[in-house]
Amino acid sequence: MKHVTITETDDITAATVEAKRNVAIAKLSQFEQECLNLGGMAKRNPHRKREVVDCLYQIAVTNSLLSTHGGALIEDLIAVGLEAR
């Protein structure tokens, strides 16, 4: 049986924290891209803007982006997406 030291445990702890952070960042990056994509569509179809905003907000909630990164950042990303293109 292999002896596990505190250092190895700390490495695993640090790695799990980093893994969670990396996935959260990847999610946020993809969310930002979707804001730009759907925001551009909403700009071309203004009568569907509310639908796009609601969808993006729901995506953020479903993927825990709102609780992880805060409402202000999520709202800013949506707003930037709506103004782009």
Foldseek 3Di string as FASTA:
>chain_A
DDDDDPVNVVVVVVVVVVVVVVVLVVLVVVLLVLLQVVLVVCLVVVVCLVVSVVVSVVSCVVVVVCVVPHDVVSVVSNVVSNVHD
